Amino acid sequence: PGIGYVRVTSFEKETGEQLRAAIEELGGNQLKGLVLDLRNNPGGVLPAALDVCSMLLAPDTKILSVRGRSKEQEEIRVPKEAKPYTFGVTV
């Protein structure tokens, strides 16, 4: 009781909204924990994955960095105004 389970099969445009709806249906911040099942998830669109991270990680946490030969290094962080869930997460 109190532990939610959600399977994310890919990261599509609507994934962030769908995950938030699923978490809220399971109890939202009243959950003790969440199992986020990403098995066999081939990936998808980056903004959807960033939305998911923003729901689960503390504000200003570095999510990823990008660098290349012809591009300066860029860091992407959880927005400072994000209000993530506070329960534990197992992936």
Protein backbone atom coordinates (compact mmCIF):
# COMPACT_ATOMS: atom_id res chain seq x y z
CA PRO A 1 0.00 0.00 0.00
CA GLY A 2 1.17 3.51 -0.82
CA ILE A 3 3.63 2.43 -3.52
CA GLY A 4 2.67 3.32 -7.10
CA TYR A 5 3.77 1.59 -10.29
CA VAL A 6 3.88 3.28 -13.70
CA ARG A 7 5.34 1.91 -16.92
CA VAL A 8 6.65 4.40 -19.49
CA THR A 9 7.09 2.64 -22.82
CA SER A 10 8.51 5.66 -24.69
CA PHE A 11 8.98 9.39 -24.34
CA GLU A 12 6.46 11.08 -26.61
CA LYS A 13 5.10 14.63 -26.60
CA GLU A 14 2.32 13.74 -24.12
CA THR A 15 4.39 11.55 -21.77
CA GLY A 16 4.88 14.21 -19.09
CA GLU A 17 1.17 15.00 -18.87
CA GLN A 18 0.25 11.31 -18.92
CA LEU A 19 2.73 10.48 -16.17
CA ARG A 20 1.49 13.32 -13.97
CA ALA A 21 -2.13 12.17 -14.48
CA ALA A 22 -1.16 8.58 -13.60
CA ILE A 23 0.69 9.70 -10.46
CA GLU A 24 -2.24 11.85 -9.36
CA GLU A 25 -4.64 8.95 -9.92
CA LEU A 26 -2.42 6.80 -7.69
CA GLY A 27 -2.43 9.37 -4.89
CA GLY A 28 -0.04 12.16 -5.88
CA ASN A 29 2.09 13.44 -3.01
CA GLN A 30 0.35 11.01 -0.66
CA LEU A 31 2.34 8.15 -2.22
CA LYS A 32 5.17 6.69 -0.16
CA GLY A 33 7.07 5.76 -3.31
CA LEU A 34 6.90 5.11 -7.03
CA VAL A 35 8.30 2.36 -9.23
CA LEU A 36 8.97 3.88 -12.66
CA ASP A 37 9.34 1.02 -15.13
CA LEU A 38 11.44 1.99 -18.16
CA ARG A 39 12.25 -1.53 -19.33
CA ASN A 40 12.37 -1.81 -23.13
CA ASN A 41 11.83 1.96 -23.45
CA PRO A 42 13.68 2.94 -26.65
CA GLY A 43 13.74 6.65 -25.76
CA GLY A 44 11.94 9.31 -27.75
CA VAL A 45 11.74 13.08 -27.71
CA LEU A 46 14.06 14.85 -25.29
CA PRO A 47 11.55 17.46 -24.02
CA ALA A 48 9.28 14.65 -22.77
CA ALA A 49 12.14 13.07 -20.82
CA LEU A 50 13.01 16.48 -19.37
CA ASP A 51 9.37 16.94 -18.26
CA VAL A 52 9.55 13.62 -16.42
CA CYS A 53 12.82 14.62 -14.75
CA SER A 54 11.27 17.90 -13.63
CA MET A 55 8.55 15.96 -11.80
CA LEU A 56 11.01 13.78 -9.92
CA LEU A 57 14.22 15.76 -9.34
CA ALA A 58 14.93 18.76 -7.13
CA PRO A 59 14.90 22.22 -8.75
CA ASP A 60 18.20 23.27 -10.37
CA THR A 61 19.48 19.67 -10.53
CA LYS A 62 21.63 19.10 -13.62
CA ILE A 63 19.86 16.65 -15.92
CA LEU A 64 22.32 16.52 -18.78
CA SER A 65 25.09 18.32 -20.57
CA VAL A 66 25.77 18.53 -24.26
CA ARG A 67 29.04 19.35 -25.96
CA GLY A 68 30.43 18.99 -29.41
CA ARG A 69 33.28 20.10 -31.58
CA SER A 70 31.42 23.04 -33.05
CA LYS A 71 29.20 23.85 -30.07
CA GLU A 72 29.94 25.17 -26.62
CA GLN A 73 28.98 22.96 -23.69
CA GLU A 74 25.35 23.37 -22.64
CA GLU A 75 23.82 22.20 -19.38
CA ILE A 76 20.13 21.46 -18.95
CA ARG A 77 18.80 21.69 -15.41
CA VAL A 78 15.47 21.20 -13.71
CA PRO A 79 13.75 24.60 -13.76
CA LYS A 80 14.13 26.50 -10.48
CA GLU A 81 10.35 26.97 -10.30
CA ALA A 82 9.63 23.22 -10.63
CA LYS A 83 7.57 21.59 -7.89
CA PRO A 84 8.61 17.93 -7.95
CA TYR A 85 6.96 15.11 -6.09
CA THR A 86 8.71 14.32 -2.82
CA PHE A 87 8.26 10.54 -2.59
CA GLY A 88 11.07 8.09 -3.28
CA VAL A 89 11.44 6.74 -6.82
CA THR A 90 12.88 3.47 -8.04
CA VAL A 91 13.62 3.13 -11.75
